[in-house]
Structure formats: C-alpha cells, structure tokens
PDB file of all heavy atoms in Angstrom:
ATOM      1  N   GLU A   1      -4.242   0.035  -5.366  1.00  0.00           N
ATOM      2  CA  GLU A   1      -3.676   1.322  -5.766  1.00  0.00           C
ATOM      3  C   GLU A   1      -4.674   2.462  -5.554  1.00  0.00           C
ATOM      4  O   GLU A   1      -4.288   3.574  -5.184  1.00  0.00           O
ATOM      5  CB  GLU A   1      -3.232   1.270  -7.223  1.00  0.00           C
ATOM      6  CG  GLU A   1      -1.914   0.559  -7.434  1.00  0.00           C
ATOM      7  CD  GLU A   1      -0.744   1.293  -6.810  1.00  0.00           C
ATOM      8  OE1 GLU A   1      -0.720   2.546  -6.876  1.00  0.00           O
ATOM      9  OE2 GLU A   1       0.143   0.640  -6.239  1.00  0.00           O
ATOM     10  N   GLN A   2      -5.942   2.174  -5.778  1.00  0.00           N
ATOM     11  CA  GLN A   2      -6.973   3.205  -5.584  1.00  0.00           C
ATOM     12  C   GLN A   2      -6.990   3.685  -4.140  1.00  0.00           C
ATOM     13  O   GLN A   2      -7.089   4.892  -3.868  1.00  0.00           O
ATOM     14  CB  GLN A   2      -8.350   2.637  -5.958  1.00  0.00           C
ATOM     15  CG  GLN A   2      -9.526   3.537  -5.637  1.00  0.00           C
ATOM     16  CD  GLN A   2      -9.827   4.534  -6.741  1.00  0.00           C
ATOM     17  OE1 GLN A   2      -9.213   4.470  -7.794  1.00  0.00           O
ATOM     18  NE2 GLN A   2     -10.748   5.437  -6.508  1.00  0.00           N
ATOM     19  N   VAL A   3      -6.880   2.771  -3.192  1.00  0.00           N
ATOM     20  CA  VAL A   3      -6.896   3.142  -1.775  1.00  0.00           C
ATOM     21  C   VAL A   3      -5.666   3.986  -1.441  1.00  0.00           C
ATOM     22  O   VAL A   3      -5.772   5.052  -0.803  1.00  0.00           O
ATOM     23  CB  VAL A   3      -6.961   1.885  -0.884  1.00  0.00           C
ATOM     24  CG1 VAL A   3      -6.730   2.260   0.578  1.00  0.00           C
ATOM     25  CG2 VAL A   3      -8.304   1.183  -1.036  1.00  0.00           C
ATOM     26  N   VAL A   4      -4.480   3.516  -1.846  1.00  0.00           N
ATOM     27  CA  VAL A   4      -3.259   4.262  -1.529  1.00  0.00           C
ATOM     28  C   VAL A   4      -3.276   5.624  -2.219  1.00  0.00           C
ATOM     29  O   VAL A   4      -2.902   6.639  -1.629  1.00  0.00           O
ATOM     30  CB  VAL A   4      -2.014   3.443  -1.941  1.00  0.00           C
ATOM     31  CG1 VAL A   4      -0.743   4.221  -1.592  1.00  0.00           C
ATOM     32  CG2 VAL A   4      -1.995   2.090  -1.232  1.00  0.00           C
ATOM     33  N   LEU A   5      -3.726   5.656  -3.469  1.00  0.00           N
ATOM     34  CA  LEU A   5      -3.795   6.905  -4.219  1.00  0.00           C
ATOM     35  C   LEU A   5      -4.725   7.903  -3.547  1.00  0.00           C
ATOM     36  O   LEU A   5      -4.383   9.086  -3.372  1.00  0.00           O
ATOM     37  CB  LEU A   5      -4.276   6.607  -5.641  1.00  0.00           C
ATOM     38  CG  LEU A   5      -4.457   7.781  -6.599  1.00  0.00           C
ATOM     39  CD1 LEU A   5      -3.118   8.427  -6.909  1.00  0.00           C
ATOM     40  CD2 LEU A   5      -5.144   7.313  -7.884  1.00  0.00           C
ATOM     41  N   THR A   6      -5.901   7.449  -3.164  1.00  0.00           N
ATOM     42  CA  THR A   6      -6.902   8.338  -2.575  1.00  0.00           C
ATOM     43  C   THR A   6      -6.470   8.857  -1.210  1.00  0.00           C
ATOM     44  O   THR A   6      -6.670  10.035  -0.887  1.00  0.00           O
ATOM     45  CB  THR A   6      -8.249   7.603  -2.453  1.00  0.00           C
ATOM     46  OG1 THR A   6      -8.675   7.167  -3.743  1.00  0.00           O
ATOM     47  CG2 THR A   6      -9.307   8.504  -1.851  1.00  0.00           C
ATOM     48  N   LYS A   7      -5.854   7.999  -0.411  1.00  0.00           N
ATOM     49  CA  LYS A   7      -5.537   8.374   0.970  1.00  0.00           C
ATOM     50  C   LYS A   7      -4.144   8.966   1.143  1.00  0.00           C
ATOM     51  O   LYS A   7      -3.908   9.742   2.079  1.00  0.00           O
ATOM     52  CB  LYS A   7      -5.716   7.164   1.888  1.00  0.00           C
ATOM     53  CG  LYS A   7      -7.165   6.674   1.942  1.00  0.00           C
ATOM     54  CD  LYS A   7      -7.376   5.644   3.033  1.00  0.00           C
ATOM     55  CE  LYS A   7      -8.861   5.269   3.145  1.00  0.00           C
ATOM     56  NZ  LYS A   7      -9.108   4.294   4.245  1.00  0.00           N
ATOM     57  N   ASP A   8      -3.208   8.602   0.252  1.00  0.00           N
ATOM     58  CA  ASP A   8      -1.819   9.016   0.454  1.00  0.00           C
ATOM     59  C   ASP A   8      -1.237   9.817  -0.700  1.00  0.00           C
ATOM     60  O   ASP A   8      -0.111  10.317  -0.595  1.00  0.00           O
ATOM     61  CB  ASP A   8      -0.936   7.793   0.711  1.00  0.00           C
ATOM     62  CG  ASP A   8      -1.381   7.007   1.926  1.00  0.00           C
ATOM     63  OD1 ASP A   8      -1.742   7.640   2.934  1.00  0.00           O
ATOM     64  OD2 ASP A   8      -1.385   5.769   1.873  1.00  0.00           O
ATOM     65  N   GLY A   9      -1.949   9.912  -1.813  1.00  0.00           N
ATOM     66  CA  GLY A   9      -1.466  10.722  -2.909  1.00  0.00           C
ATOM     67  C   GLY A   9      -0.686   9.947  -3.960  1.00  0.00           C
ATOM     68  O   GLY A   9      -0.332   8.773  -3.776  1.00  0.00           O
ATOM     69  N   VAL A  10      -0.397  10.634  -5.074  1.00  0.00           N
ATOM     70  CA  VAL A  10       0.231   9.996  -6.232  1.00  0.00           C
ATOM     71  C   VAL A  10       1.632   9.489  -5.910  1.00  0.00           C
ATOM     72  O   VAL A  10       2.007   8.370  -6.291  1.00  0.00           O
ATOM     73  CB  VAL A  10       0.283  10.991  -7.415  1.00  0.00           C
ATOM     74  CG1 VAL A  10       1.036  10.383  -8.599  1.00  0.00           C
ATOM     75  CG2 VAL A  10      -1.124  11.390  -7.837  1.00  0.00           C
ATOM     76  N   GLY A  11       2.427  10.297  -5.222  1.00  0.00           N
ATOM     77  CA  GLY A  11       3.798   9.892  -4.910  1.00  0.00           C
ATOM     78  C   GLY A  11       3.860   8.596  -4.142  1.00  0.00           C
ATOM     79  O   GLY A  11       4.657   7.702  -4.464  1.00  0.00           O
ATOM     80  N   LYS A  12       3.030   8.451  -3.121  1.00  0.00           N
ATOM     81  CA  LYS A  12       3.002   7.212  -2.327  1.00  0.00           C
ATOM     82  C   LYS A  12       2.470   6.043  -3.143  1.00  0.00           C
ATOM     83  O   LYS A  12       2.934   4.911  -3.008  1.00  0.00           O
ATOM     84  CB  LYS A  12       2.120   7.418  -1.093  1.00  0.00           C
ATOM     85  CG  LYS A  12       2.704   8.323  -0.032  1.00  0.00           C
ATOM     86  CD  LYS A  12       3.747   7.604   0.803  1.00  0.00           C
ATOM     87  CE  LYS A  12       4.151   8.450   2.005  1.00  0.00           C
ATOM     88  NZ  LYS A  12       5.172   7.780   2.840  1.00  0.00           N
ATOM     89  N   ALA A  13       1.464   6.299  -3.989  1.00  0.00           N
ATOM     90  CA  ALA A  13       0.815   5.218  -4.729  1.00  0.00           C
ATOM     91  C   ALA A  13       1.711   4.639  -5.814  1.00  0.00           C
ATOM     92  O   ALA A  13       1.570   3.467  -6.174  1.00  0.00           O
ATOM     93  CB  ALA A  13      -0.490   5.715  -5.346  1.00  0.00           C
ATOM     94  N   PHE A  14       2.645   5.427  -6.327  1.00  0.00           N
ATOM     95  CA  PHE A  14       3.502   4.950  -7.415  1.00  0.00           C
ATOM     96  C   PHE A  14       4.932   4.746  -6.925  1.00  0.00           C
ATOM     97  O   PHE A  14       5.317   3.626  -6.596  1.00  0.00           O
ATOM     98  CB  PHE A  14       3.418   5.910  -8.611  1.00  0.00           C
ATOM     99  CG  PHE A  14       2.117   5.766  -9.356  1.00  0.00           C
ATOM    100  CD1 PHE A  14       1.006   6.532  -9.018  1.00  0.00           C
ATOM    101  CD2 PHE A  14       1.988   4.847 -10.383  1.00  0.00           C
ATOM    102  CE1 PHE A  14      -0.198   6.390  -9.686  1.00  0.00           C
ATOM    103  CE2 PHE A  14       0.788   4.694 -11.068  1.00  0.00           C
ATOM    104  CZ  PHE A  14      -0.305   5.465 -10.716  1.00  0.00           C
ATOM    105  N   ALA A  15       5.731   5.785  -6.860  1.00  0.00           N
ATOM    106  CA  ALA A  15       7.120   5.615  -6.438  1.00  0.00           C
ATOM    107  C   ALA A  15       7.205   5.017  -5.037  1.00  0.00           C
ATOM    108  O   ALA A  15       8.045   4.146  -4.766  1.00  0.00           O
ATOM    109  CB  ALA A  15       7.839   6.963  -6.487  1.00  0.00           C
ATOM    110  N   GLY A  16       6.312   5.463  -4.150  1.00  0.00           N
ATOM    111  CA  GLY A  16       6.360   4.960  -2.774  1.00  0.00           C
ATOM    112  C   GLY A  16       6.114   3.471  -2.680  1.00  0.00           C
ATOM    113  O   GLY A  16       6.825   2.757  -1.944  1.00  0.00           O
ATOM    114  N   VAL A  17       5.124   2.961  -3.412  1.00  0.00           N
ATOM    115  CA  VAL A  17       4.828   1.528  -3.371  1.00  0.00           C
ATOM    116  C   VAL A  17       5.929   0.730  -4.077  1.00  0.00           C
ATOM    117  O   VAL A  17       6.271  -0.377  -3.652  1.00  0.00           O
ATOM    118  CB  VAL A  17       3.450   1.245  -3.994  1.00  0.00           C
ATOM    119  CG1 VAL A  17       3.204  -0.249  -4.117  1.00  0.00           C
ATOM    120  CG2 VAL A  17       2.346   1.884  -3.153  1.00  0.00           C
ATOM    121  N   LEU A  18       6.490   1.266  -5.155  1.00  0.00           N
ATOM    122  CA  LEU A  18       7.594   0.570  -5.828  1.00  0.00           C
ATOM    123  C   LEU A  18       8.812   0.455  -4.915  1.00  0.00           C
ATOM    124  O   LEU A  18       9.514  -0.561  -4.916  1.00  0.00           O
ATOM    125  CB  LEU A  18       7.981   1.304  -7.110  1.00  0.00           C
ATOM    126  CG  LEU A  18       6.965   1.262  -8.257  1.00  0.00           C
ATOM    127  CD1 LEU A  18       7.414   2.170  -9.391  1.00  0.00           C
ATOM    128  CD2 LEU A  18       6.773  -0.161  -8.765  1.00  0.00           C
ATOM    129  N   GLU A  19       9.069   1.499  -4.130  1.00  0.00           N
ATOM    130  CA  GLU A  19      10.217   1.480  -3.231  1.00  0.00           C
ATOM    131  C   GLU A  19       9.965   0.650  -1.989  1.00  0.00           C
ATOM    132  O   GLU A  19      10.904   0.119  -1.384  1.00  0.00           O
ATOM    133  CB  GLU A  19      10.572   2.916  -2.836  1.00  0.00           C
ATOM    134  CG  GLU A  19      11.110   3.744  -4.007  1.00  0.00           C
ATOM    135  CD  GLU A  19      11.165   5.218  -3.698  1.00  0.00           C
ATOM    136  OE1 GLU A  19      10.683   5.627  -2.604  1.00  0.00           O
ATOM    137  OE2 GLU A  19      11.669   5.985  -4.549  1.00  0.00           O
ATOM    138  N   ASN A  20       8.711   0.512  -1.595  1.00  0.00           N
ATOM    139  CA  ASN A  20       8.359  -0.226  -0.380  1.00  0.00           C
ATOM    140  C   ASN A  20       7.142  -1.095  -0.672  1.00  0.00           C
ATOM    141  O   ASN A  20       6.036  -0.826  -0.222  1.00  0.00           O
ATOM    142  CB  ASN A  20       8.051   0.771   0.751  1.00  0.00           C
ATOM    143  CG  ASN A  20       7.774   0.077   2.068  1.00  0.00           C
ATOM    144  OD1 ASN A  20       8.226  -1.029   2.310  1.00  0.00           O
ATOM    145  ND2 ASN A  20       7.000   0.730   2.916  1.00  0.00           N
ATOM    146  N   PRO A  21       7.330  -2.162  -1.450  1.00  0.00           N
ATOM    147  CA  PRO A  21       6.180  -2.936  -1.941  1.00  0.00           C
ATOM    148  C   PRO A  21       5.563  -3.832  -0.881  1.00  0.00           C
ATOM    149  O   PRO A  21       6.220  -4.213   0.097  1.00  0.00           O
ATOM    150  CB  PRO A  21       6.801  -3.787  -3.067  1.00  0.00           C
ATOM    151  CG  PRO A  21       8.231  -3.936  -2.666  1.00  0.00           C
ATOM    152  CD  PRO A  21       8.612  -2.655  -1.990  1.00  0.00           C
ATOM    153  N   PRO A  22       4.296  -4.180  -1.065  1.00  0.00           N
ATOM    154  CA  PRO A  22       3.646  -5.150  -0.168  1.00  0.00           C
ATOM    155  C   PRO A  22       4.263  -6.530  -0.340  1.00  0.00           C
ATOM    156  O   PRO A  22       4.885  -6.825  -1.366  1.00  0.00           O
ATOM    157  CB  PRO A  22       2.182  -5.117  -0.619  1.00  0.00           C
ATOM    158  CG  PRO A  22       2.239  -4.653  -2.036  1.00  0.00           C
ATOM    159  CD  PRO A  22       3.389  -3.708  -2.119  1.00  0.00           C
ATOM    160  N   ASN A  23       4.047  -7.375   0.670  1.00  0.00           N
ATOM    161  CA  ASN A  23       4.673  -8.695   0.703  1.00  0.00           C
ATOM    162  C   ASN A  23       3.736  -9.841   0.389  1.00  0.00           C
ATOM    163  O   ASN A  23       4.198 -10.969   0.188  1.00  0.00           O
ATOM    164  CB  ASN A  23       5.248  -8.966   2.106  1.00  0.00           C
ATOM    165  CG  ASN A  23       6.322  -7.990   2.495  1.00  0.00           C
ATOM    166  OD1 ASN A  23       7.066  -7.504   1.657  1.00  0.00           O
ATOM    167  ND2 ASN A  23       6.404  -7.684   3.786  1.00  0.00           N
ATOM    168  N   SER A  24       2.434  -9.584   0.399  1.00  0.00           N
ATOM    169  CA  SER A  24       1.504 -10.715   0.409  1.00  0.00           C
ATOM    170  C   SER A  24       0.194 -10.354  -0.275  1.00  0.00           C
ATOM    171  O   SER A  24      -0.152  -9.176  -0.420  1.00  0.00           O
ATOM    172  CB  SER A  24       1.202 -11.131   1.856  1.00  0.00           C
ATOM    173  OG  SER A  24       0.551 -10.067   2.548  1.00  0.00           O
ATOM    174  N   SER A  25      -0.545 -11.384  -0.671  1.00  0.00           N
ATOM    175  CA  SER A  25      -1.876 -11.151  -1.218  1.00  0.00           C
ATOM    176  C   SER A  25      -2.790 -10.559  -0.149  1.00  0.00           C
ATOM    177  O   SER A  25      -3.716  -9.801  -0.465  1.00  0.00           O
ATOM    178  CB  SER A  25      -2.470 -12.455  -1.768  1.00  0.00           C
ATOM    179  OG  SER A  25      -2.631 -13.432  -0.747  1.00  0.00           O
ATOM    180  N   TYR A  26      -2.528 -10.863   1.121  1.00  0.00           N
ATOM    181  CA  TYR A  26      -3.310 -10.282   2.218  1.00  0.00           C
ATOM    182  C   TYR A  26      -3.227  -8.757   2.190  1.00  0.00           C
ATOM    183  O   TYR A  26      -4.230  -8.057   2.338  1.00  0.00           O
ATOM    184  CB  TYR A  26      -2.796 -10.824   3.554  1.00  0.00           C
ATOM    185  CG  TYR A  26      -3.237 -10.048   4.773  1.00  0.00           C
ATOM    186  CD1 TYR A  26      -4.558 -10.102   5.218  1.00  0.00           C
ATOM    187  CD2 TYR A  26      -2.334  -9.257   5.480  1.00  0.00           C
ATOM    188  CE1 TYR A  26      -4.965  -9.391   6.335  1.00  0.00           C
ATOM    189  CE2 TYR A  26      -2.732  -8.541   6.593  1.00  0.00           C
ATOM    190  CZ  TYR A  26      -4.048  -8.609   7.024  1.00  0.00           C
ATOM    191  OH  TYR A  26      -4.445  -7.895   8.127  1.00  0.00           O
ATOM    192  N   GLU A  27      -2.020  -8.217   1.988  1.00  0.00           N
ATOM    193  CA  GLU A  27      -1.861  -6.762   1.967  1.00  0.00           C
ATOM    194  C   GLU A  27      -2.501  -6.146   0.729  1.00  0.00           C
ATOM    195  O   GLU A  27      -3.050  -5.041   0.784  1.00  0.00           O
ATOM    196  CB  GLU A  27      -0.378  -6.403   2.030  1.00  0.00           C
ATOM    197  CG  GLU A  27       0.253  -6.717   3.373  1.00  0.00           C
ATOM    198  CD  GLU A  27       1.760  -6.602   3.322  1.00  0.00           C
ATOM    199  OE1 GLU A  27       2.414  -7.460   2.712  1.00  0.00           O
ATOM    200  OE2 GLU A  27       2.287  -5.624   3.903  1.00  0.00           O
ATOM    201  N   ILE A  28      -2.440  -6.859  -0.410  1.00  0.00           N
ATOM    202  CA  ILE A  28      -3.097  -6.365  -1.616  1.00  0.00           C
ATOM    203  C   ILE A  28      -4.612  -6.339  -1.407  1.00  0.00           C
ATOM    204  O   ILE A  28      -5.297  -5.367  -1.756  1.00  0.00           O
ATOM    205  CB  ILE A  28      -2.745  -7.238  -2.831  1.00  0.00           C
ATOM    206  CG1 ILE A  28      -1.257  -7.120  -3.163  1.00  0.00           C
ATOM    207  CG2 ILE A  28      -3.600  -6.861  -4.039  1.00  0.00           C
ATOM    208  CD1 ILE A  28      -0.808  -5.757  -3.606  1.00  0.00           C
ATOM    209  N   MET A  29      -5.156  -7.404  -0.823  1.00  0.00           N
ATOM    210  CA  MET A  29      -6.592  -7.519  -0.633  1.00  0.00           C
ATOM    211  C   MET A  29      -7.080  -6.683   0.546  1.00  0.00           C
ATOM    212  O   MET A  29      -8.272  -6.398   0.664  1.00  0.00           O
ATOM    213  CB  MET A  29      -6.965  -8.990  -0.447  1.00  0.00           C
ATOM    214  CG  MET A  29      -6.659  -9.829  -1.688  1.00  0.00           C
ATOM    215  SD  MET A  29      -6.668 -11.614  -1.394  1.00  0.00           S
ATOM    216  CE  MET A  29      -8.434 -11.913  -1.223  1.00  0.00           C
ATOM    217  N   THR A  30      -6.159  -6.282   1.430  1.00  0.00           N
ATOM    218  CA  THR A  30      -6.491  -5.438   2.585  1.00  0.00           C
ATOM    219  C   THR A  30      -5.519  -4.273   2.605  1.00  0.00           C
ATOM    220  O   THR A  30      -4.560  -4.243   3.382  1.00  0.00           O
ATOM    221  CB  THR A  30      -6.393  -6.239   3.907  1.00  0.00           C
ATOM    222  OG1 THR A  30      -7.023  -7.502   3.754  1.00  0.00           O
ATOM    223  CG2 THR A  30      -7.042  -5.487   5.060  1.00  0.00           C
ATOM    224  N   PRO A  31      -5.718  -3.275   1.753  1.00  0.00           N
ATOM    225  CA  PRO A  31      -4.745  -2.185   1.633  1.00  0.00           C
ATOM    226  C   PRO A  31      -4.439  -1.472   2.945  1.00  0.00           C
ATOM    227  O   PRO A  31      -3.314  -0.998   3.151  1.00  0.00           O
ATOM    228  CB  PRO A  31      -5.408  -1.228   0.629  1.00  0.00           C
ATOM    229  CG  PRO A  31      -6.348  -2.087  -0.163  1.00  0.00           C
ATOM    230  CD  PRO A  31      -6.845  -3.119   0.803  1.00  0.00           C
ATOM    231  N   GLU A  32      -5.435  -1.408   3.852  1.00  0.00           N
ATOM    232  CA  GLU A  32      -5.180  -0.735   5.125  1.00  0.00           C
ATOM    233  C   GLU A  32      -4.118  -1.469   5.934  1.00  0.00           C
ATOM    234  O   GLU A  32      -3.388  -0.840   6.719  1.00  0.00           O
ATOM    235  CB  GLU A  32      -6.477  -0.620   5.932  1.00  0.00           C
ATOM    236  CG  GLU A  32      -7.457   0.402   5.367  1.00  0.00           C
ATOM    237  CD  GLU A  32      -6.869   1.800   5.279  1.00  0.00           C
ATOM    238  OE1 GLU A  32      -6.081   2.178   6.173  1.00  0.00           O
ATOM    239  OE2 GLU A  32      -7.190   2.512   4.314  1.00  0.00           O
ATOM    240  N   ALA A  33      -4.017  -2.785   5.767  1.00  0.00           N
ATOM    241  CA  ALA A  33      -2.964  -3.528   6.454  1.00  0.00           C
ATOM    242  C   ALA A  33      -1.591  -3.089   5.956  1.00  0.00           C
ATOM    243  O   ALA A  33      -0.643  -2.944   6.736  1.00  0.00           O
ATOM    244  CB  ALA A  33      -3.155  -5.024   6.233  1.00  0.00           C
ATOM    245  N   TYR A  34      -1.501  -2.871   4.656  1.00  0.00           N
ATOM    246  CA  TYR A  34      -0.236  -2.361   4.089  1.00  0.00           C
ATOM    247  C   TYR A  34       0.045  -0.949   4.583  1.00  0.00           C
ATOM    248  O   TYR A  34       1.163  -0.635   5.020  1.00  0.00           O
ATOM    249  CB  TYR A  34      -0.317  -2.380   2.562  1.00  0.00           C
ATOM    250  CG  TYR A  34       0.797  -1.601   1.899  1.00  0.00           C
ATOM    251  CD1 TYR A  34       2.055  -2.161   1.738  1.00  0.00           C
ATOM    252  CD2 TYR A  34       0.577  -0.293   1.442  1.00  0.00           C
ATOM    253  CE1 TYR A  34       3.082  -1.433   1.145  1.00  0.00           C
ATOM    254  CE2 TYR A  34       1.595   0.435   0.851  1.00  0.00           C
ATOM    255  CZ  TYR A  34       2.851  -0.143   0.698  1.00  0.00           C
ATOM    256  OH  TYR A  34       3.865   0.578   0.116  1.00  0.00           O
ATOM    257  N   ARG A  35      -0.952  -0.080   4.535  1.00  0.00           N
ATOM    258  CA  ARG A  35      -0.751   1.321   4.898  1.00  0.00           C
ATOM    259  C   ARG A  35      -0.339   1.461   6.368  1.00  0.00           C
ATOM    260  O   ARG A  35       0.450   2.344   6.717  1.00  0.00           O
ATOM    261  CB  ARG A  35      -2.018   2.136   4.648  1.00  0.00           C
ATOM    262  CG  ARG A  35      -2.397   2.252   3.176  1.00  0.00           C
ATOM    263  CD  ARG A  35      -3.628   3.166   2.981  1.00  0.00           C
ATOM    264  NE  ARG A  35      -3.359   4.525   3.397  1.00  0.00           N
ATOM    265  CZ  ARG A  35      -3.887   5.092   4.456  1.00  0.00           C
ATOM    266  NH1 ARG A  35      -4.743   4.419   5.229  1.00  0.00           N
ATOM    267  NH2 ARG A  35      -3.596   6.343   4.777  1.00  0.00           N
ATOM    268  N   ARG A  36      -0.849   0.577   7.204  1.00  0.00           N
ATOM    269  CA  ARG A  36      -0.566   0.674   8.645  1.00  0.00           C
ATOM    270  C   ARG A  36       0.576  -0.240   9.074  1.00  0.00           C
ATOM    271  O   ARG A  36       0.853  -0.374  10.264  1.00  0.00           O
ATOM    272  CB  ARG A  36      -1.836   0.334   9.439  1.00  0.00           C
ATOM    273  CG  ARG A  36      -2.993   1.301   9.167  1.00  0.00           C
ATOM    274  CD  ARG A  36      -4.271   0.836   9.850  1.00  0.00           C
ATOM    275  NE  ARG A  36      -5.386   1.730   9.546  1.00  0.00           N
ATOM    276  CZ  ARG A  36      -6.646   1.493   9.917  1.00  0.00           C
ATOM    277  NH1 ARG A  36      -6.941   0.398  10.617  1.00  0.00           N
ATOM    278  NH2 ARG A  36      -7.601   2.339   9.592  1.00  0.00           N
ATOM    279  N   HIS A  37       1.208  -0.901   8.107  1.00  0.00           N
ATOM    280  CA  HIS A  37       2.311  -1.825   8.393  1.00  0.00           C
ATOM    281  C   HIS A  37       1.892  -2.924   9.358  1.00  0.00           C
ATOM    282  O   HIS A  37       2.633  -3.289  10.279  1.00  0.00           O
ATOM    283  CB  HIS A  37       3.520  -1.070   8.952  1.00  0.00           C
ATOM    284  CG  HIS A  37       3.976   0.065   8.074  1.00  0.00           C
ATOM    285  ND1 HIS A  37       4.479  -0.125   6.812  1.00  0.00           N
ATOM    286  CD2 HIS A  37       3.981   1.418   8.275  1.00  0.00           C
ATOM    287  CE1 HIS A  37       4.788   1.047   6.271  1.00  0.00           C
ATOM    288  NE2 HIS A  37       4.479   2.002   7.132  1.00  0.00           N
ATOM    289  N   VAL A  38       0.676  -3.436   9.159  1.00  0.00           N
ATOM    290  CA  VAL A  38       0.197  -4.526  10.002  1.00  0.00           C
ATOM    291  C   VAL A  38       1.014  -5.781   9.718  1.00  0.00           C
ATOM    292  O   VAL A  38       1.256  -6.140   8.562  1.00  0.00           O
ATOM    293  CB  VAL A  38      -1.297  -4.797   9.733  1.00  0.00           C
ATOM    294  CG1 VAL A  38      -1.777  -6.024  10.497  1.00  0.00           C
ATOM    295  CG2 VAL A  38      -2.124  -3.574  10.113  1.00  0.00           C
ATOM    296  N   ALA A  39       1.436  -6.449  10.765  1.00  0.00           N
ATOM    297  CA  ALA A  39       2.245  -7.657  10.604  1.00  0.00           C
ATOM    298  C   ALA A  39       1.421  -8.778   9.971  1.00  0.00           C
ATOM    299  O   ALA A  39       0.271  -8.988  10.330  1.00  0.00           O
ATOM    300  CB  ALA A  39       2.775  -8.115  11.956  1.00  0.00           C
ATOM    301  N   VAL A  40       2.027  -9.470   9.031  1.00  0.00           N
ATOM    302  CA  VAL A  40       1.410 -10.648   8.417  1.00  0.00           C
ATOM    303  C   VAL A  40       2.086 -11.872   9.028  1.00  0.00           C
ATOM    304  O   VAL A  40       3.240 -12.156   8.735  1.00  0.00           O
ATOM    305  CB  VAL A  40       1.587 -10.648   6.884  1.00  0.00           C
ATOM    306  CG1 VAL A  40       0.900 -11.859   6.270  1.00  0.00           C
ATOM    307  CG2 VAL A  40       1.059  -9.362   6.279  1.00  0.00           C
TER     308      VAL A  40
END
C-alpha cells in the first residue's frame, strides 16, 4: 500500500486497489508488478 500510495495517490491506493485487487503474493511482494500489470 505504501508503494501504491506514494506513486499513485490515495484514490488508487484505497478505492482503486479494492476495485482492481492483486491476484497473488507475488504482486503484493512486488508492487511494481501490480502497478504495471505484469503477467503472473
């Protein structure tokens, strides 16, 4: 959440992530993979 909050703002870090949540522990542990929609 700190990464998304810092780089994308409050809206993306809260409502945005709830509406479009990560799929895997990989995305949680590598937030940039989530932000860039890297395929898992």
